[in-house]
C-alpha atoms as a PDB file:
ATOM      1  CA  UNK A   1       0.000   0.000   0.000  1.00  0.00           C
ATOM      2  CA  UNK A   2       1.273   3.426  -0.933  1.00  0.00           C
ATOM      3  CA  UNK A   3       2.578   5.650   1.859  1.00  0.00           C
ATOM      4  CA  UNK A   4       0.785   8.628   0.313  1.00  0.00           C
ATOM      5  CA  UNK A   5      -2.590   8.815  -1.407  1.00  0.00           C
ATOM      6  CA  UNK A   6      -2.875   8.005  -5.092  1.00  0.00           C
ATOM      7  CA  UNK A   7      -4.833  10.912  -6.549  1.00  0.00           C
ATOM      8  CA  UNK A   8      -7.900   9.894  -8.523  1.00  0.00           C
ATOM      9  CA  UNK A   9      -8.019  12.092 -11.638  1.00  0.00           C
ATOM     10  CA  UNK A  10     -11.822  12.265 -11.315  1.00  0.00           C
ATOM     11  CA  UNK A  11     -11.559  13.688  -7.790  1.00  0.00           C
ATOM     12  CA  UNK A  12      -9.331  16.633  -8.622  1.00  0.00           C
ATOM     13  CA  UNK A  13      -9.649  19.776 -10.697  1.00  0.00           C
ATOM     14  CA  UNK A  14      -7.753  22.429 -12.571  1.00  0.00           C
ATOM     15  CA  UNK A  15      -4.168  22.063 -13.677  1.00  0.00           C
ATOM     16  CA  UNK A  16      -3.676  18.787 -11.784  1.00  0.00           C
ATOM     17  CA  UNK A  17      -6.640  17.200 -13.535  1.00  0.00           C
ATOM     18  CA  UNK A  18      -5.478  18.525 -16.921  1.00  0.00           C
ATOM     19  CA  UNK A  19      -1.996  17.042 -16.420  1.00  0.00           C
ATOM     20  CA  UNK A  20      -3.401  13.708 -15.317  1.00  0.00           C
ATOM     21  CA  UNK A  21      -5.616  13.783 -18.416  1.00  0.00           C
ATOM     22  CA  UNK A  22      -2.553  14.242 -20.639  1.00  0.00           C
ATOM     23  CA  UNK A  23      -0.834  11.352 -18.887  1.00  0.00           C
ATOM     24  CA  UNK A  24      -3.916   9.155 -19.266  1.00  0.00           C
ATOM     25  CA  UNK A  25      -4.051   9.971 -22.977  1.00  0.00           C
ATOM     26  CA  UNK A  26      -0.380   9.078 -23.417  1.00  0.00           C
ATOM     27  CA  UNK A  27      -0.561   5.747 -21.559  1.00  0.00           C
ATOM     28  CA  UNK A  28      -4.201   4.737 -22.027  1.00  0.00           C
ATOM     29  CA  UNK A  29      -4.397   4.713 -18.211  1.00  0.00           C
ATOM     30  CA  UNK A  30      -3.056   6.836 -15.366  1.00  0.00           C
ATOM     31  CA  UNK A  31      -0.073   4.958 -13.902  1.00  0.00           C
ATOM     32  CA  UNK A  32       0.122   4.879 -10.105  1.00  0.00           C
ATOM     33  CA  UNK A  33       3.444   6.728 -10.087  1.00  0.00           C
ATOM     34  CA  UNK A  34       1.827   9.804 -11.614  1.00  0.00           C
ATOM     35  CA  UNK A  35      -1.137   9.492  -9.258  1.00  0.00           C
ATOM     36  CA  UNK A  36       1.304   9.559  -6.320  1.00  0.00           C
ATOM     37  CA  UNK A  37       3.266  12.506  -7.694  1.00  0.00           C
ATOM     38  CA  UNK A  38      -0.026  14.354  -8.322  1.00  0.00           C
ATOM     39  CA  UNK A  39      -0.127  15.158  -4.606  1.00  0.00           C
ATOM     40  CA  UNK A  40       2.050  18.097  -5.733  1.00  0.00           C
ATOM     41  CA  UNK A  41       1.053  19.843  -8.932  1.00  0.00           C
ATOM     42  CA  UNK A  42       4.550  21.358  -9.159  1.00  0.00           C
ATOM     43  CA  UNK A  43       6.213  17.936  -8.885  1.00  0.00           C
ATOM     44  CA  UNK A  44       3.789  16.482 -11.430  1.00  0.00           C
ATOM     45  CA  UNK A  45       4.516  19.326 -13.864  1.00  0.00           C
ATOM     46  CA  UNK A  46       8.241  18.804 -13.361  1.00  0.00           C
ATOM     47  CA  UNK A  47       8.125  15.043 -13.908  1.00  0.00           C
ATOM     48  CA  UNK A  48       5.713  15.105 -16.857  1.00  0.00           C
ATOM     49  CA  UNK A  49       7.597  18.004 -18.454  1.00  0.00           C
ATOM     50  CA  UNK A  50      10.882  16.123 -18.126  1.00  0.00           C
ATOM     51  CA  UNK A  51       9.428  13.002 -19.718  1.00  0.00           C
ATOM     52  CA  UNK A  52       8.107  15.121 -22.591  1.00  0.00           C
ATOM     53  CA  UNK A  53      11.322  17.056 -23.104  1.00  0.00           C
ATOM     54  CA  UNK A  54      13.549  13.981 -23.031  1.00  0.00           C
ATOM     55  CA  UNK A  55      11.114  12.059 -25.216  1.00  0.00           C
ATOM     56  CA  UNK A  56      11.749  14.683 -27.880  1.00  0.00           C
ATOM     57  CA  UNK A  57      15.507  14.689 -27.381  1.00  0.00           C
ATOM     58  CA  UNK A  58      18.353  13.203 -29.391  1.00  0.00           C
ATOM     59  CA  UNK A  59      18.742  10.016 -27.340  1.00  0.00           C
ATOM     60  CA  UNK A  60      16.598   7.254 -28.903  1.00  0.00           C
ATOM     61  CA  UNK A  61      13.690   6.047 -26.771  1.00  0.00           C
ATOM     62  CA  UNK A  62      15.129   2.533 -26.691  1.00  0.00           C
ATOM     63  CA  UNK A  63      18.390   3.748 -25.133  1.00  0.00           C
ATOM     64  CA  UNK A  64      16.491   5.916 -22.656  1.00  0.00           C
ATOM     65  CA  UNK A  65      14.532   2.863 -21.515  1.00  0.00           C
ATOM     66  CA  UNK A  66      17.677   0.734 -21.275  1.00  0.00           C
ATOM     67  CA  UNK A  67      19.263   3.395 -19.071  1.00  0.00           C
ATOM     68  CA  UNK A  68      16.087   3.470 -16.975  1.00  0.00           C
ATOM     69  CA  UNK A  69      16.053  -0.282 -16.289  1.00  0.00           C
ATOM     70  CA  UNK A  70      19.747  -0.330 -15.370  1.00  0.00           C
ATOM     71  CA  UNK A  71      19.199   2.461 -12.843  1.00  0.00           C
ATOM     72  CA  UNK A  72      15.940   0.961 -11.549  1.00  0.00           C
ATOM     73  CA  UNK A  73      17.616  -2.360 -10.906  1.00  0.00           C
ATOM     74  CA  UNK A  74      20.562  -0.687  -9.160  1.00  0.00           C
ATOM     75  CA  UNK A  75      18.173   1.329  -6.963  1.00  0.00           C
ATOM     76  CA  UNK A  76      15.878  -1.665  -6.287  1.00  0.00           C
ATOM     77  CA  UNK A  77      12.887   0.125  -7.802  1.00  0.00           C
ATOM     78  CA  UNK A  78      10.492  -2.605  -8.911  1.00  0.00           C
ATOM     79  CA  UNK A  79       8.005  -0.036 -10.184  1.00  0.00           C
ATOM     80  CA  UNK A  80      10.443   1.624 -12.587  1.00  0.00           C
ATOM     81  CA  UNK A  81      11.997  -1.682 -13.607  1.00  0.00           C
ATOM     82  CA  UNK A  82       8.575  -3.019 -14.576  1.00  0.00           C
ATOM     83  CA  UNK A  83       7.374   0.177 -16.255  1.00  0.00           C
ATOM     84  CA  UNK A  84      10.538   0.817 -18.259  1.00  0.00           C
ATOM     85  CA  UNK A  85      10.881  -2.817 -19.309  1.00  0.00           C
ATOM     86  CA  UNK A  86       7.402  -2.561 -20.844  1.00  0.00           C
ATOM     87  CA  UNK A  87       8.189   0.825 -22.384  1.00  0.00           C
ATOM     88  CA  UNK A  88      11.507  -0.477 -23.720  1.00  0.00           C
ATOM     89  CA  UNK A  89       9.725  -3.309 -25.488  1.00  0.00           C
ATOM     90  CA  UNK A  90       7.356  -0.740 -27.036  1.00  0.00           C
ATOM     91  CA  UNK A  91      10.421   1.249 -28.135  1.00  0.00           C
ATOM     92  CA  UNK A  92      11.754  -1.753 -30.066  1.00  0.00           C
ATOM     93  CA  UNK A  93      14.050  -3.477 -27.593  1.00  0.00           C
ATOM     94  CA  UNK A  94      13.929  -7.242 -27.388  1.00  0.00           C
ATOM     95  CA  UNK A  95      13.295  -8.950 -24.073  1.00  0.00           C
ATOM     96  CA  UNK A  96      16.952 -10.075 -24.162  1.00  0.00           C
ATOM     97  CA  UNK A  97      18.144  -6.477 -24.658  1.00  0.00           C
ATOM     98  CA  UNK A  98      16.036  -5.270 -21.736  1.00  0.00           C
ATOM     99  CA  UNK A  99      17.234  -8.122 -19.528  1.00  0.00           C
ATOM    100  CA  UNK A 100      20.852  -7.321 -20.380  1.00  0.00           C
ATOM    101  CA  UNK A 101      20.259  -3.618 -19.736  1.00  0.00           C
ATOM    102  CA  UNK A 102      18.847  -4.477 -16.320  1.00  0.00           C
ATOM    103  CA  UNK A 103      22.342  -5.756 -15.498  1.00  0.00           C
ATOM    104  CA  UNK A 104      23.972  -2.703 -17.122  1.00  0.00           C
ATOM    105  CA  UNK A 105      25.043  -4.651 -20.200  1.00  0.00           C
ATOM    106  CA  UNK A 106      24.490  -4.584 -23.964  1.00  0.00           C
ATOM    107  CA  UNK A 107      25.932  -6.331 -27.002  1.00  0.00           C
ATOM    108  CA  UNK A 108      26.010  -2.923 -28.704  1.00  0.00           C
ATOM    109  CA  UNK A 109      29.254  -1.156 -27.660  1.00  0.00           C
ATOM    110  CA  UNK A 110      27.705   2.329 -27.746  1.00  0.00           C
ATOM    111  CA  UNK A 111      24.734   1.290 -25.609  1.00  0.00           C
ATOM    112  CA  UNK A 112      27.067  -0.571 -23.247  1.00  0.00           C
ATOM    113  CA  UNK A 113      29.127   2.612 -22.787  1.00  0.00           C
ATOM    114  CA  UNK A 114      25.999   4.624 -21.944  1.00  0.00           C
ATOM    115  CA  UNK A 115      24.854   2.005 -19.432  1.00  0.00           C
ATOM    116  CA  UNK A 116      28.285   1.837 -17.768  1.00  0.00           C
ATOM    117  CA  UNK A 117      28.298   5.637 -17.524  1.00  0.00           C
ATOM    118  CA  UNK A 118      24.783   5.741 -16.061  1.00  0.00           C
ATOM    119  CA  UNK A 119      25.640   3.208 -13.389  1.00  0.00           C
ATOM    120  CA  UNK A 120      28.936   4.958 -12.639  1.00  0.00           C
ATOM    121  CA  UNK A 121      27.053   8.235 -12.071  1.00  0.00           C
ATOM    122  CA  UNK A 122      24.495   6.524  -9.821  1.00  0.00           C
ATOM    123  CA  UNK A 123      27.066   4.569  -7.832  1.00  0.00           C
ATOM    124  CA  UNK A 124      29.355   7.586  -7.490  1.00  0.00           C
ATOM    125  CA  UNK A 125      26.475   9.926  -6.637  1.00  0.00           C
ATOM    126  CA  UNK A 126      27.516  12.114  -9.539  1.00  0.00           C
ATOM    127  CA  UNK A 127      31.205  12.010  -8.642  1.00  0.00           C
ATOM    128  CA  UNK A 128      32.769  10.994 -11.950  1.00  0.00           C
ATOM    129  CA  UNK A 129      36.044  11.896 -13.605  1.00  0.00           C
ATOM    130  CA  UNK A 130      37.342  12.956 -17.010  1.00  0.00           C
ATOM    131  CA  UNK A 131      37.831   9.353 -18.103  1.00  0.00           C
ATOM    132  CA  UNK A 132      34.132   8.560 -17.600  1.00  0.00           C
ATOM    133  CA  UNK A 133      33.100  11.304 -20.029  1.00  0.00           C
ATOM    134  CA  UNK A 134      35.958  10.467 -22.407  1.00  0.00           C
ATOM    135  CA  UNK A 135      34.689   6.875 -22.632  1.00  0.00           C
ATOM    136  CA  UNK A 136      31.325   8.155 -23.839  1.00  0.00           C
ATOM    137  CA  UNK A 137      33.009  10.304 -26.483  1.00  0.00           C
ATOM    138  CA  UNK A 138      35.137   7.345 -27.585  1.00  0.00           C
ATOM    139  CA  UNK A 139      31.938   5.284 -27.933  1.00  0.00           C
ATOM    140  CA  UNK A 140      30.574   7.923 -30.326  1.00  0.00           C
ATOM    141  CA  UNK A 141      28.461  10.213 -28.141  1.00  0.00           C
ATOM    142  CA  UNK A 142      28.641  13.970 -28.690  1.00  0.00           C
ATOM    143  CA  UNK A 143      28.266  16.576 -25.950  1.00  0.00           C
ATOM    144  CA  UNK A 144      24.518  17.035 -26.539  1.00  0.00           C
ATOM    145  CA  UNK A 145      23.959  13.311 -26.154  1.00  0.00           C
ATOM    146  CA  UNK A 146      26.187  13.138 -23.069  1.00  0.00           C
ATOM    147  CA  UNK A 147      24.257  15.886 -21.314  1.00  0.00           C
ATOM    148  CA  UNK A 148      20.981  14.240 -22.292  1.00  0.00           C
ATOM    149  CA  UNK A 149      22.158  10.896 -20.894  1.00  0.00           C
ATOM    150  CA  UNK A 150      22.788  12.661 -17.593  1.00  0.00           C
ATOM    151  CA  UNK A 151      19.303  14.211 -17.765  1.00  0.00           C
ATOM    152  CA  UNK A 152      17.845  10.715 -18.213  1.00  0.00           C
ATOM    153  CA  UNK A 153      19.834   9.566 -15.179  1.00  0.00           C
ATOM    154  CA  UNK A 154      18.511  12.450 -13.070  1.00  0.00           C
ATOM    155  CA  UNK A 155      14.893  11.862 -14.110  1.00  0.00           C
ATOM    156  CA  UNK A 156      15.193   8.165 -13.325  1.00  0.00           C
ATOM    157  CA  UNK A 157      16.654   8.877  -9.902  1.00  0.00           C
ATOM    158  CA  UNK A 158      13.635  11.116  -9.221  1.00  0.00           C
ATOM    159  CA  UNK A 159      11.160   8.453 -10.308  1.00  0.00           C
ATOM    160  CA  UNK A 160      13.012   5.675  -8.453  1.00  0.00           C
ATOM    161  CA  UNK A 161      12.987   7.679  -5.239  1.00  0.00           C
ATOM    162  CA  UNK A 162       9.282   8.533  -5.579  1.00  0.00           C
ATOM    163  CA  UNK A 163       8.319   4.903  -6.107  1.00  0.00           C
ATOM    164  CA  UNK A 164      10.613   3.370  -3.495  1.00  0.00           C
ATOM    165  CA  UNK A 165      10.129   5.994  -0.768  1.00  0.00           C
ATOM    166  CA  UNK A 166       6.341   6.071  -1.136  1.00  0.00           C
ATOM    167  CA  UNK A 167       5.916   2.308  -1.835  1.00  0.00           C
ATOM    168  CA  UNK A 168       3.890   3.011  -4.976  1.00  0.00           C
ATOM    169  CA  UNK A 169       2.093  -0.186  -6.080  1.00  0.00           C
ATOM    170  CA  UNK A 170       3.347  -1.582  -9.408  1.00  0.00           C
ATOM    171  CA  UNK A 171       0.675  -1.429 -12.105  1.00  0.00           C
ATOM    172  CA  UNK A 172       2.779  -2.708 -15.006  1.00  0.00           C
ATOM    173  CA  UNK A 173       3.653  -6.358 -15.734  1.00  0.00           C
ATOM    174  CA  UNK A 174       6.094  -7.297 -12.969  1.00  0.00           C
ATOM    175  CA  UNK A 175       9.812  -7.757 -13.568  1.00  0.00           C
ATOM    176  CA  UNK A 176      12.039  -9.276 -10.887  1.00  0.00           C
ATOM    177  CA  UNK A 177      14.964  -7.299  -9.503  1.00  0.00           C
ATOM    178  CA  UNK A 178      18.393  -8.893  -9.701  1.00  0.00           C
END
């Protein structure tokens, strides 16, 4: 059971209801994570705006979802692991690619570099060095992509913390943590 109420879109009004309506339209349902975050309209605007901005960025959706599952697994966030595994499959990743990403791995060297970087940032709490960024450049990422990878990391930390701290019930097909 969630540690905070899950806002019912029908029981709210104004900007909060409009945002939840956009989310419902995008997913075909209103995922519990967004219902939890909707306790704060500002937090909901921030999260939904970040998803929208990064969804229109230069990093392919598939890579964004692979980054998300690697971070979710590392942070023991079953909600995000389940949600992003499903979203990764919709973005064209195979079940094997998503399983590998969960462990921070990929057969594609460029994707593998991004996953290693993401986990290094998470494990080091942002404390990385020149070599970490250089490895991304060597793998073929430009500065715009590198900054966007870090933005994906930050958004996923936010969503992991929301779901873990507030014990948000998983409403996506379950995926087991490793």
